[in-house]
Amino acid sequence: MRTMDGTRYRDYGLTILRVGIGIIFFAHGYMKITKMGIDGTAGFMGHLGIPIPGIIAWYVIIAETVGGIALILGIFTLPFGIALVIDMAGAIYYAKSSGGLLGPKGFELELSLLVASAAIALAGPGALSLRQLVSRRQSNE
C-alpha cells in the first residue's frame, strides 16, 4: 500500500512478520506432535499446573501447527492471531512468569510472539497473502 506518509512498505513488513512468526509457531507445534506427542505435551502441561491439560494440549498443538501454517499462507490471521495470543499468555503465566523478562528462563520470546500475534490479528496479513489473492480473484469476477 503506497501512501505519502512513509508507510509505503507497511504491507510488506507485515508479510515478513507474519511469515517469520508463522514458521516459529509451526516449528514449536510440530515439535510437540513429533517429539513429545499429545500425551507428553499434556503431561508437561499438567506438571506446570495447567488445568485440563489434555484439552489444552490439543488446543496448543492445533493453534501452533495449523495457526503457524495459516499465518505463513496469510489466511485466518484474526482467529489464529487471537488463538496464539491466548497460547502465549498461558505460556507466560504458567511456565515462564517466575523467570522474569530476561535470562535463560525469561519470557522475552513468549512475549515477543504474543505481541507479534496480536499485531498480525489486528493489522491483517499484509501483502503476498492467500487471502489477498482470493480477494483479488473475487473482485475480478
Foldseek 3Di string as FASTA:
>chain_A
DDDPPPCHCVLVVLQVLLLVLLVVLQVVLVCCCPPQNLVSQLVVCVVLVNPPSSVVSVLSSCLRNVVSVCSNQQHPLQVSLVSLLVVLVCCCVRQQVVVDCDDPRHSVVSVVSNVSSVCCNVVGNGPPHPVVVVVVVVVVD
